[in-house]
Amino acid sequence: MREIVNKKGRKMKEENNIQDKTNNKKTKKEYILLVTIILGIIIIDQILKIIVITKGEIQIIPKLLKFSLTENTSPAYGIGSNSTIMYVITNVVILSVIFKFVTNQNQYVDTKFKIFLSFIFAGGISNINDKVFRGYVVEFFDFSQFIKFPIFNLADIFTIIGWVCIAGIFAKFTVKEWRNSKK
């Protein structure tokens, strides 16, 4: 193995440099994947919301699912205060913690976990966008013809999927650690 000099004038072994380049390519691909997921969820959610706002009620599956416009001014699932400022501040803090965690702990967190965090991040951004620019969150998945259930949107779906999957990862890790401690 030969020594090479990096941009800062430090000597390093060539093997480490090759490994760094491989890691950088993996990190770049992962970054592109995560940004694509986030933007995809936000764009699809916003397009569906615009369709519901402009077209009104749309029957998707008769007697089961329709898209109907509901203006949700509450913080989460119709619960709590109607304060837009508190909603935005709370969500920005949560999303900032997620972003900071992913960027600072990048090397310790696997791609699957980051994807689930991206679901939460995208859902939060899309709903914050509604709250800031419309004054309410557009909710439209309506199963009321079939079952009494709150109306929700695509961002909510991805937020819930993200949290449930992360809880599953933590549960699996906890069980694994518990079993290992018994050995």
N, C-alpha and C. Protein backbone atom coordinates (compact mmCIF):
# COMPACT_ATOMS: atom_id res chain seq x y z
N MET A 1 0.84 -1.17 0.00
CA MET A 1 0.00 0.00 0.00
C MET A 1 0.89 1.23 0.00
N ARG A 2 0.59 2.16 -0.87
CA ARG A 2 1.40 3.37 -0.93
C ARG A 2 0.68 4.51 -0.22
N GLU A 3 1.48 5.49 0.19
CA GLU A 3 0.90 6.65 0.83
C GLU A 3 0.62 7.72 -0.20
N ILE A 4 -0.47 8.44 -0.01
CA ILE A 4 -0.79 9.56 -0.89
C ILE A 4 -1.04 10.77 -0.01
N VAL A 5 -1.01 11.95 -0.61
CA VAL A 5 -1.25 13.19 0.12
C VAL A 5 -2.62 13.71 -0.29
N ASN A 6 -3.46 13.98 0.70
CA ASN A 6 -4.80 14.48 0.39
C ASN A 6 -4.76 15.99 0.15
N LYS A 7 -5.94 16.58 -0.09
CA LYS A 7 -6.02 18.01 -0.42
C LYS A 7 -5.50 18.91 0.69
N LYS A 8 -5.58 18.44 1.94
CA LYS A 8 -5.12 19.25 3.06
C LYS A 8 -3.65 19.01 3.37
N GLY A 9 -2.97 18.23 2.55
CA GLY A 9 -1.55 17.99 2.74
C GLY A 9 -1.23 16.88 3.71
N ARG A 10 -2.23 16.14 4.14
CA ARG A 10 -2.02 15.04 5.07
C ARG A 10 -1.74 13.76 4.31
N LYS A 11 -0.83 12.96 4.88
CA LYS A 11 -0.53 11.67 4.28
C LYS A 11 -1.57 10.66 4.72
N MET A 12 -1.99 9.83 3.77
CA MET A 12 -2.94 8.78 4.09
C MET A 12 -2.68 7.58 3.21
N LYS A 13 -3.14 6.44 3.66
CA LYS A 13 -2.96 5.24 2.86
C LYS A 13 -3.99 5.21 1.75
N GLU A 14 -3.59 4.72 0.59
CA GLU A 14 -4.45 4.71 -0.58
C GLU A 14 -5.73 3.90 -0.34
N GLU A 15 -5.66 2.83 0.43
CA GLU A 15 -6.82 1.99 0.70
C GLU A 15 -7.95 2.79 1.36
N ASN A 16 -7.60 3.63 2.31
CA ASN A 16 -8.60 4.46 2.98
C ASN A 16 -9.26 5.42 2.00
N ASN A 17 -8.48 5.96 1.08
CA ASN A 17 -8.99 6.89 0.09
C ASN A 17 -10.01 6.20 -0.82
N ILE A 18 -9.73 4.97 -1.22
CA ILE A 18 -10.65 4.21 -2.07
C ILE A 18 -11.94 3.93 -1.30
N GLN A 19 -11.81 3.55 -0.03
CA GLN A 19 -12.99 3.27 0.79
C GLN A 19 -13.83 4.54 0.97
N ASP A 20 -13.18 5.69 1.16
CA ASP A 20 -13.90 6.95 1.29
C ASP A 20 -14.68 7.27 0.02
N LYS A 21 -14.07 7.03 -1.14
CA LYS A 21 -14.77 7.30 -2.40
C LYS A 21 -15.99 6.40 -2.54
N THR A 22 -15.86 5.12 -2.14
CA THR A 22 -16.98 4.19 -2.19
C THR A 22 -18.10 4.65 -1.25
N ASN A 23 -17.72 5.06 -0.03
CA ASN A 23 -18.71 5.55 0.93
C ASN A 23 -19.38 6.81 0.44
N ASN A 24 -18.62 7.71 -0.21
CA ASN A 24 -19.20 8.94 -0.74
C ASN A 24 -20.22 8.64 -1.84
N LYS A 25 -19.93 7.66 -2.71
CA LYS A 25 -20.88 7.29 -3.76
C LYS A 25 -22.15 6.72 -3.14
N LYS A 26 -21.99 5.87 -2.10
CA LYS A 26 -23.15 5.29 -1.42
C LYS A 26 -23.97 6.39 -0.74
N THR A 27 -23.28 7.31 -0.08
CA THR A 27 -23.97 8.41 0.60
C THR A 27 -24.71 9.28 -0.39
N LYS A 28 -24.08 9.55 -1.55
CA LYS A 28 -24.74 10.38 -2.57
C LYS A 28 -25.98 9.69 -3.12
N LYS A 29 -25.89 8.39 -3.39
CA LYS A 29 -27.05 7.63 -3.88
C LYS A 29 -28.16 7.62 -2.84
N GLU A 30 -27.78 7.43 -1.59
CA GLU A 30 -28.76 7.43 -0.51
C GLU A 30 -29.42 8.80 -0.38
N TYR A 31 -28.64 9.84 -0.47
CA TYR A 31 -29.15 11.22 -0.40
C TYR A 31 -30.16 11.45 -1.53
N ILE A 32 -29.83 11.04 -2.73
CA ILE A 32 -30.73 11.20 -3.88
C ILE A 32 -32.03 10.42 -3.63
N LEU A 33 -31.91 9.19 -3.11
CA LEU A 33 -33.09 8.38 -2.80
C LEU A 33 -33.98 9.08 -1.79
N LEU A 34 -33.40 9.58 -0.70
CA LEU A 34 -34.18 10.21 0.36
C LEU A 34 -34.84 11.50 -0.12
N VAL A 35 -34.12 12.31 -0.87
CA VAL A 35 -34.69 13.55 -1.40
C VAL A 35 -35.82 13.23 -2.38
N THR A 36 -35.64 12.19 -3.20
CA THR A 36 -36.67 11.78 -4.15
C THR A 36 -37.93 11.33 -3.40
N ILE A 37 -37.76 10.56 -2.35
CA ILE A 37 -38.90 10.10 -1.55
C ILE A 37 -39.62 11.30 -0.95
N ILE A 38 -38.87 12.20 -0.32
CA ILE A 38 -39.47 13.37 0.33
C ILE A 38 -40.22 14.22 -0.69
N LEU A 39 -39.57 14.57 -1.79
CA LEU A 39 -40.22 15.40 -2.80
C LEU A 39 -41.41 14.69 -3.43
N GLY A 40 -41.27 13.38 -3.67
CA GLY A 40 -42.36 12.61 -4.27
C GLY A 40 -43.61 12.62 -3.40
N ILE A 41 -43.43 12.38 -2.11
CA ILE A 41 -44.57 12.38 -1.19
C ILE A 41 -45.21 13.77 -1.14
N ILE A 42 -44.40 14.80 -1.00
CA ILE A 42 -44.93 16.16 -0.92
C ILE A 42 -45.68 16.53 -2.19
N ILE A 43 -45.09 16.25 -3.34
CA ILE A 43 -45.70 16.63 -4.62
C ILE A 43 -47.02 15.87 -4.84
N ILE A 44 -47.02 14.56 -4.61
CA ILE A 44 -48.25 13.78 -4.81
C ILE A 44 -49.33 14.23 -3.84
N ASP A 45 -48.97 14.45 -2.58
CA ASP A 45 -49.94 14.91 -1.59
C ASP A 45 -50.52 16.26 -1.99
N GLN A 46 -49.68 17.18 -2.41
CA GLN A 46 -50.15 18.52 -2.79
C GLN A 46 -51.02 18.47 -4.05
N ILE A 47 -50.65 17.62 -5.01
CA ILE A 47 -51.47 17.48 -6.23
C ILE A 47 -52.86 16.95 -5.87
N LEU A 48 -52.91 15.91 -5.03
CA LEU A 48 -54.21 15.36 -4.61
C LEU A 48 -55.03 16.42 -3.88
N LYS A 49 -54.39 17.23 -3.05
CA LYS A 49 -55.10 18.28 -2.32
C LYS A 49 -55.66 19.33 -3.29
N ILE A 50 -54.89 19.69 -4.29
CA ILE A 50 -55.35 20.67 -5.28
C ILE A 50 -56.54 20.11 -6.06
N ILE A 51 -56.46 18.83 -6.42
CA ILE A 51 -57.58 18.20 -7.13
C ILE A 51 -58.84 18.25 -6.29
N VAL A 52 -58.73 17.90 -5.01
CA VAL A 52 -59.90 17.89 -4.12
C VAL A 52 -60.44 19.31 -3.93
N ILE A 53 -59.56 20.28 -3.79
CA ILE A 53 -60.00 21.67 -3.62
C ILE A 53 -60.75 22.15 -4.86
N THR A 54 -60.25 21.82 -6.04
CA THR A 54 -60.86 22.32 -7.28
C THR A 54 -62.08 21.51 -7.71
N LYS A 55 -62.07 20.20 -7.51
CA LYS A 55 -63.17 19.36 -8.00
C LYS A 55 -64.24 19.08 -6.94
N GLY A 56 -63.90 19.25 -5.68
CA GLY A 56 -64.87 18.94 -4.63
C GLY A 56 -64.89 17.45 -4.34
N GLU A 57 -66.05 16.94 -4.01
CA GLU A 57 -66.17 15.53 -3.64
C GLU A 57 -66.00 14.62 -4.85
N ILE A 58 -65.19 13.56 -4.68
CA ILE A 58 -64.94 12.59 -5.75
C ILE A 58 -65.14 11.20 -5.16
N GLN A 59 -66.06 10.44 -5.75
CA GLN A 59 -66.29 9.07 -5.30
C GLN A 59 -65.19 8.19 -5.89
N ILE A 60 -64.40 7.53 -5.04
CA ILE A 60 -63.29 6.69 -5.50
C ILE A 60 -63.74 5.23 -5.57
N ILE A 61 -64.21 4.68 -4.46
CA ILE A 61 -64.75 3.32 -4.39
C ILE A 61 -66.15 3.44 -3.78
N PRO A 62 -67.18 3.19 -4.57
CA PRO A 62 -68.55 3.37 -4.07
C PRO A 62 -68.79 2.69 -2.73
N LYS A 63 -69.46 3.41 -1.84
CA LYS A 63 -69.83 2.96 -0.50
C LYS A 63 -68.62 2.61 0.39
N LEU A 64 -67.43 3.03 -0.02
CA LEU A 64 -66.24 2.76 0.79
C LEU A 64 -65.38 4.01 0.95
N LEU A 65 -64.91 4.57 -0.17
CA LEU A 65 -63.96 5.68 -0.11
C LEU A 65 -64.35 6.78 -1.08
N LYS A 66 -64.34 7.99 -0.56
CA LYS A 66 -64.50 9.16 -1.41
C LYS A 66 -63.48 10.19 -0.96
N PHE A 67 -63.11 11.07 -1.88
CA PHE A 67 -62.28 12.22 -1.54
C PHE A 67 -63.26 13.37 -1.30
N SER A 68 -63.21 13.92 -0.11
CA SER A 68 -64.05 15.08 0.19
C SER A 68 -63.23 16.08 0.99
N LEU A 69 -63.36 17.32 0.62
CA LEU A 69 -62.57 18.38 1.23
C LEU A 69 -63.00 18.63 2.67
N THR A 70 -62.04 18.54 3.57
CA THR A 70 -62.22 18.93 4.96
C THR A 70 -61.08 19.87 5.32
N GLU A 71 -61.42 21.02 5.87
CA GLU A 71 -60.42 22.00 6.27
C GLU A 71 -60.11 21.79 7.74
N ASN A 72 -58.97 21.22 8.03
CA ASN A 72 -58.58 20.91 9.40
C ASN A 72 -57.71 22.04 9.95
N THR A 73 -58.25 22.77 10.92
CA THR A 73 -57.50 23.87 11.53
C THR A 73 -56.83 23.44 12.84
N SER A 74 -57.08 22.21 13.27
CA SER A 74 -56.48 21.69 14.51
C SER A 74 -55.08 21.17 14.25
N PRO A 75 -54.27 21.05 15.31
CA PRO A 75 -52.88 20.63 15.14
C PRO A 75 -52.70 19.22 14.59
N ALA A 76 -53.38 18.23 15.15
CA ALA A 76 -53.16 16.86 14.69
C ALA A 76 -54.45 16.07 14.82
N TYR A 77 -54.95 15.58 13.70
CA TYR A 77 -56.11 14.71 13.67
C TYR A 77 -57.31 15.31 14.40
N GLY A 78 -57.46 16.63 14.31
CA GLY A 78 -58.61 17.29 14.91
C GLY A 78 -58.51 17.50 16.41
N ILE A 79 -57.31 17.32 16.98
CA ILE A 79 -57.14 17.45 18.42
C ILE A 79 -56.38 18.73 18.74
N GLY A 80 -56.84 19.50 19.71
CA GLY A 80 -56.06 20.61 20.26
C GLY A 80 -56.44 21.98 19.75
N SER A 81 -55.54 22.92 19.94
CA SER A 81 -55.73 24.33 19.66
C SER A 81 -55.76 24.61 18.16
N ASN A 82 -56.38 25.73 17.78
CA ASN A 82 -56.44 26.13 16.38
C ASN A 82 -55.30 27.09 16.01
N SER A 83 -54.28 27.21 16.82
CA SER A 83 -53.20 28.15 16.61
C SER A 83 -52.27 27.69 15.49
N THR A 84 -52.26 28.44 14.40
CA THR A 84 -51.37 28.14 13.28
C THR A 84 -49.92 28.29 13.71
N ILE A 85 -49.62 29.32 14.49
CA ILE A 85 -48.25 29.57 14.93
C ILE A 85 -47.74 28.40 15.77
N MET A 86 -48.54 27.93 16.72
CA MET A 86 -48.12 26.80 17.56
C MET A 86 -47.95 25.53 16.73
N TYR A 87 -48.85 25.32 15.78
CA TYR A 87 -48.76 24.15 14.89
C TYR A 87 -47.43 24.17 14.13
N VAL A 88 -47.14 25.31 13.52
CA VAL A 88 -45.92 25.43 12.72
C VAL A 88 -44.69 25.29 13.60
N ILE A 89 -44.65 25.98 14.74
CA ILE A 89 -43.48 25.92 15.63
C ILE A 89 -43.24 24.48 16.10
N THR A 90 -44.29 23.82 16.56
CA THR A 90 -44.16 22.44 17.04
C THR A 90 -43.63 21.53 15.94
N ASN A 91 -44.21 21.63 14.76
CA ASN A 91 -43.78 20.76 13.66
C ASN A 91 -42.38 21.09 13.16
N VAL A 92 -42.04 22.36 13.13
CA VAL A 92 -40.69 22.74 12.70
C VAL A 92 -39.66 22.19 13.69
N VAL A 93 -39.95 22.26 14.98
CA VAL A 93 -39.04 21.71 15.99
C VAL A 93 -38.87 20.20 15.77
N ILE A 94 -39.97 19.49 15.62
CA ILE A 94 -39.91 18.03 15.41
C ILE A 94 -39.13 17.71 14.14
N LEU A 95 -39.43 18.40 13.05
CA LEU A 95 -38.74 18.14 11.78
C LEU A 95 -37.26 18.52 11.86
N SER A 96 -36.94 19.56 12.61
CA SER A 96 -35.53 19.95 12.80
C SER A 96 -34.77 18.88 13.56
N VAL A 97 -35.40 18.31 14.57
CA VAL A 97 -34.76 17.23 15.34
C VAL A 97 -34.52 16.03 14.43
N ILE A 98 -35.49 15.69 13.61
CA ILE A 98 -35.32 14.57 12.67
C ILE A 98 -34.18 14.86 11.70
N PHE A 99 -34.18 16.05 11.12
CA PHE A 99 -33.12 16.42 10.17
C PHE A 99 -31.75 16.39 10.83
N LYS A 100 -31.64 16.97 12.01
CA LYS A 100 -30.37 17.02 12.74
C LYS A 100 -29.90 15.60 13.07
N PHE A 101 -30.83 14.76 13.50
CA PHE A 101 -30.49 13.37 13.83
C PHE A 101 -29.92 12.65 12.60
N VAL A 102 -30.62 12.76 11.48
CA VAL A 102 -30.17 12.06 10.27
C VAL A 102 -28.82 12.59 9.81
N THR A 103 -28.61 13.89 9.86
CA THR A 103 -27.34 14.43 9.37
C THR A 103 -26.19 14.16 10.34
N ASN A 104 -26.44 14.21 11.65
CA ASN A 104 -25.36 13.98 12.62
C ASN A 104 -25.08 12.50 12.85
N GLN A 105 -26.07 11.66 12.73
CA GLN A 105 -25.91 10.23 13.00
C GLN A 105 -25.92 9.41 11.72
N ASN A 106 -25.64 10.04 10.61
CA ASN A 106 -25.75 9.41 9.30
C ASN A 106 -25.04 8.06 9.22
N GLN A 107 -23.82 7.98 9.72
CA GLN A 107 -23.04 6.75 9.60
C GLN A 107 -23.55 5.64 10.51
N TYR A 108 -24.37 5.96 11.51
CA TYR A 108 -24.86 4.97 12.47
C TYR A 108 -26.28 4.49 12.17
N VAL A 109 -26.93 5.10 11.22
CA VAL A 109 -28.33 4.80 10.92
C VAL A 109 -28.42 4.16 9.54
N ASP A 110 -29.12 3.03 9.45
CA ASP A 110 -29.22 2.36 8.15
C ASP A 110 -30.24 3.05 7.24
N THR A 111 -30.18 2.71 5.98
CA THR A 111 -31.01 3.35 4.96
C THR A 111 -32.50 3.17 5.23
N LYS A 112 -32.88 1.98 5.68
CA LYS A 112 -34.30 1.70 5.96
C LYS A 112 -34.84 2.69 7.00
N PHE A 113 -34.08 2.91 8.07
CA PHE A 113 -34.49 3.83 9.12
C PHE A 113 -34.61 5.25 8.57
N LYS A 114 -33.67 5.63 7.72
CA LYS A 114 -33.70 6.97 7.11
C LYS A 114 -34.91 7.14 6.19
N ILE A 115 -35.28 6.08 5.50
CA ILE A 115 -36.47 6.13 4.63
C ILE A 115 -37.71 6.38 5.48
N PHE A 116 -37.83 5.68 6.60
CA PHE A 116 -38.99 5.89 7.47
C PHE A 116 -39.00 7.30 8.05
N LEU A 117 -37.83 7.82 8.40
CA LEU A 117 -37.76 9.22 8.86
C LEU A 117 -38.13 10.17 7.73
N SER A 118 -37.78 9.82 6.50
CA SER A 118 -38.14 10.64 5.34
C SER A 118 -39.65 10.70 5.15
N PHE A 119 -40.34 9.58 5.42
CA PHE A 119 -41.81 9.57 5.35
C PHE A 119 -42.38 10.60 6.32
N ILE A 120 -41.88 10.58 7.56
CA ILE A 120 -42.35 11.51 8.59
C ILE A 120 -42.03 12.95 8.19
N PHE A 121 -40.82 13.16 7.72
CA PHE A 121 -40.36 14.49 7.32
C PHE A 121 -41.23 15.04 6.20
N ALA A 122 -41.48 14.23 5.16
CA ALA A 122 -42.29 14.66 4.02
C ALA A 122 -43.72 14.96 4.44
N GLY A 123 -44.30 14.10 5.26
CA GLY A 123 -45.66 14.33 5.73
C GLY A 123 -45.76 15.62 6.51
N GLY A 124 -44.78 15.86 7.37
CA GLY A 124 -44.77 17.08 8.16
C GLY A 124 -44.63 18.33 7.30
N ILE A 125 -43.72 18.28 6.35
CA ILE A 125 -43.50 19.44 5.46
C ILE A 125 -44.76 19.74 4.65
N SER A 126 -45.40 18.69 4.12
CA SER A 126 -46.59 18.91 3.30
C SER A 126 -47.73 19.51 4.12
N ASN A 127 -47.92 19.03 5.33
CA ASN A 127 -48.99 19.58 6.17
C ASN A 127 -48.65 20.98 6.69
N ILE A 128 -47.38 21.25 6.97
CA ILE A 128 -46.97 22.61 7.35
C ILE A 128 -47.24 23.57 6.19
N ASN A 129 -46.93 23.12 4.99
CA ASN A 129 -47.19 23.92 3.79
C ASN A 129 -48.67 24.33 3.73
N ASP A 130 -49.55 23.37 3.97
CA ASP A 130 -50.99 23.68 3.98
C ASP A 130 -51.32 24.72 5.03
N LYS A 131 -50.84 24.47 6.24
CA LYS A 131 -51.19 25.34 7.37
C LYS A 131 -50.69 26.77 7.13
N VAL A 132 -49.49 26.91 6.59
CA VAL A 132 -48.91 28.24 6.36
C VAL A 132 -49.60 28.95 5.19
N PHE A 133 -49.81 28.26 4.07
CA PHE A 133 -50.32 28.92 2.86
C PHE A 133 -51.84 28.89 2.72
N ARG A 134 -52.51 27.97 3.40
CA ARG A 134 -53.98 27.92 3.31
C ARG A 134 -54.66 28.28 4.62
N GLY A 135 -53.92 28.17 5.72
CA GLY A 135 -54.50 28.44 7.03
C GLY A 135 -55.15 27.21 7.64
N TYR A 136 -55.14 26.10 6.93
CA TYR A 136 -55.70 24.84 7.39
C TYR A 136 -55.02 23.71 6.62
N VAL A 137 -55.12 22.51 7.16
CA VAL A 137 -54.58 21.33 6.48
C VAL A 137 -55.73 20.68 5.71
N VAL A 138 -55.48 20.41 4.44
CA VAL A 138 -56.49 19.77 3.60
C VAL A 138 -56.51 18.27 3.90
N GLU A 139 -57.65 17.80 4.34
CA GLU A 139 -57.87 16.37 4.60
C GLU A 139 -58.88 15.89 3.57
N PHE A 140 -58.71 14.67 3.05
CA PHE A 140 -59.63 14.25 1.98
C PHE A 140 -59.96 12.77 1.92
N PHE A 141 -59.16 11.87 2.48
CA PHE A 141 -59.52 10.46 2.48
C PHE A 141 -60.70 10.28 3.43
N ASP A 142 -61.86 9.94 2.88
CA ASP A 142 -63.10 9.90 3.67
C ASP A 142 -63.74 8.51 3.55
N PHE A 143 -63.71 7.77 4.65
CA PHE A 143 -64.31 6.43 4.70
C PHE A 143 -65.65 6.45 5.44
N SER A 144 -66.23 7.63 5.64
CA SER A 144 -67.43 7.76 6.47
C SER A 144 -68.64 7.00 5.93
N GLN A 145 -68.66 6.65 4.65
CA GLN A 145 -69.75 5.85 4.09
C GLN A 145 -69.69 4.42 4.60
N PHE A 146 -68.51 4.01 5.02
CA PHE A 146 -68.26 2.62 5.42
C PHE A 146 -68.06 2.48 6.93
N ILE A 147 -67.30 3.40 7.52
CA ILE A 147 -66.93 3.30 8.93
C ILE A 147 -66.73 4.71 9.49
N LYS A 148 -67.03 4.88 10.75
CA LYS A 148 -66.79 6.18 11.39
C LYS A 148 -65.29 6.28 11.68
N PHE A 149 -64.61 7.14 10.94
CA PHE A 149 -63.17 7.28 11.06
C PHE A 149 -62.79 8.70 10.65
N PRO A 150 -61.78 9.29 11.29
CA PRO A 150 -61.38 10.65 10.91
C PRO A 150 -60.94 10.73 9.45
N ILE A 151 -61.17 11.88 8.85
CA ILE A 151 -60.72 12.13 7.48
C ILE A 151 -59.25 12.52 7.56
N PHE A 152 -58.45 12.06 6.61
CA PHE A 152 -57.01 12.29 6.65
C PHE A 152 -56.48 12.49 5.24
N ASN A 153 -55.18 12.73 5.11
CA ASN A 153 -54.57 12.94 3.80
C ASN A 153 -53.37 12.02 3.60
N LEU A 154 -52.76 12.09 2.44
CA LEU A 154 -51.62 11.23 2.11
C LEU A 154 -50.43 11.51 3.03
N ALA A 155 -50.21 12.77 3.37
CA ALA A 155 -49.11 13.12 4.28
C ALA A 155 -49.30 12.42 5.63
N ASP A 156 -50.54 12.39 6.12
CA ASP A 156 -50.83 11.69 7.38
C ASP A 156 -50.49 10.20 7.28
N ILE A 157 -50.85 9.60 6.15
CA ILE A 157 -50.58 8.17 5.94
C ILE A 157 -49.09 7.90 6.05
N PHE A 158 -48.28 8.69 5.35
CA PHE A 158 -46.84 8.46 5.38
C PHE A 158 -46.24 8.77 6.74
N THR A 159 -46.78 9.76 7.44
CA THR A 159 -46.30 10.07 8.78
C THR A 159 -46.55 8.88 9.71
N ILE A 160 -47.76 8.33 9.66
CA ILE A 160 -48.10 7.18 10.50
C ILE A 160 -47.26 5.96 10.13
N ILE A 161 -47.13 5.68 8.83
CA ILE A 161 -46.31 4.54 8.40
C ILE A 161 -44.88 4.71 8.92
N GLY A 162 -44.33 5.90 8.80
CA GLY A 162 -42.97 6.16 9.28
C GLY A 162 -42.82 5.88 10.76
N TRP A 163 -43.75 6.42 11.58
CA TRP A 163 -43.66 6.22 13.04
C TRP A 163 -43.87 4.76 13.42
N VAL A 164 -44.82 4.09 12.78
CA VAL A 164 -45.07 2.67 13.10
C VAL A 164 -43.85 1.82 12.75
N CYS A 165 -43.25 2.06 11.60
CA CYS A 165 -42.08 1.29 11.19
C CYS A 165 -40.89 1.55 12.11
N ILE A 166 -40.70 2.80 12.52
CA ILE A 166 -39.62 3.12 13.46
C ILE A 166 -39.87 2.44 14.80
N ALA A 167 -41.11 2.46 15.26
CA ALA A 167 -41.45 1.76 16.51
C ALA A 167 -41.16 0.26 16.37
N GLY A 168 -41.46 -0.29 15.20
CA GLY A 168 -41.15 -1.70 14.94
C GLY A 168 -39.67 -1.99 14.98
N ILE A 169 -38.87 -1.09 14.41
CA ILE A 169 -37.41 -1.26 14.44
C ILE A 169 -36.91 -1.23 15.88
N PHE A 170 -37.40 -0.27 16.67
CA PHE A 170 -36.99 -0.20 18.07
C PHE A 170 -37.44 -1.43 18.85
N ALA A 171 -38.65 -1.91 18.58
CA ALA A 171 -39.14 -3.11 19.27
C ALA A 171 -38.28 -4.31 18.92
N LYS A 172 -37.96 -4.47 17.65
CA LYS A 172 -37.12 -5.59 17.22
C LYS A 172 -35.74 -5.51 17.87
N PHE A 173 -35.16 -4.32 17.90
CA PHE A 173 -33.85 -4.13 18.52
C PHE A 173 -33.91 -4.44 20.01
N THR A 174 -34.97 -3.99 20.68
CA THR A 174 -35.12 -4.22 22.11
C THR A 174 -35.24 -5.71 22.42
N VAL A 175 -36.03 -6.42 21.65
CA VAL A 175 -36.18 -7.87 21.84
C VAL A 175 -34.85 -8.56 21.61
N LYS A 176 -34.15 -8.16 20.57
CA LYS A 176 -32.85 -8.75 20.25
C LYS A 176 -31.87 -8.53 21.40
N GLU A 177 -31.81 -7.30 21.92
CA GLU A 177 -30.91 -6.99 23.03
C GLU A 177 -31.32 -7.77 24.28
N TRP A 178 -32.61 -7.89 24.53
CA TRP A 178 -33.10 -8.62 25.69
C TRP A 178 -32.69 -10.09 25.60
N ARG A 179 -32.85 -10.68 24.40
CA ARG A 179 -32.46 -12.08 24.20
C ARG A 179 -30.96 -12.25 24.38
N ASN A 180 -30.17 -11.33 23.86
CA ASN A 180 -28.72 -11.41 24.00
C ASN A 180 -28.28 -11.29 25.45
N SER A 181 -29.01 -10.50 26.23
CA SER A 181 -28.64 -10.33 27.64
C SER A 181 -28.96 -11.59 28.45
N LYS A 182 -29.86 -12.43 27.97
CA LYS A 182 -30.23 -13.67 28.66
C LYS A 182 -29.22 -14.78 28.43
N LYS A 183 -28.37 -14.61 27.41
CA LYS A 183 -27.39 -15.68 27.07
C LYS A 183 -26.22 -15.68 28.01
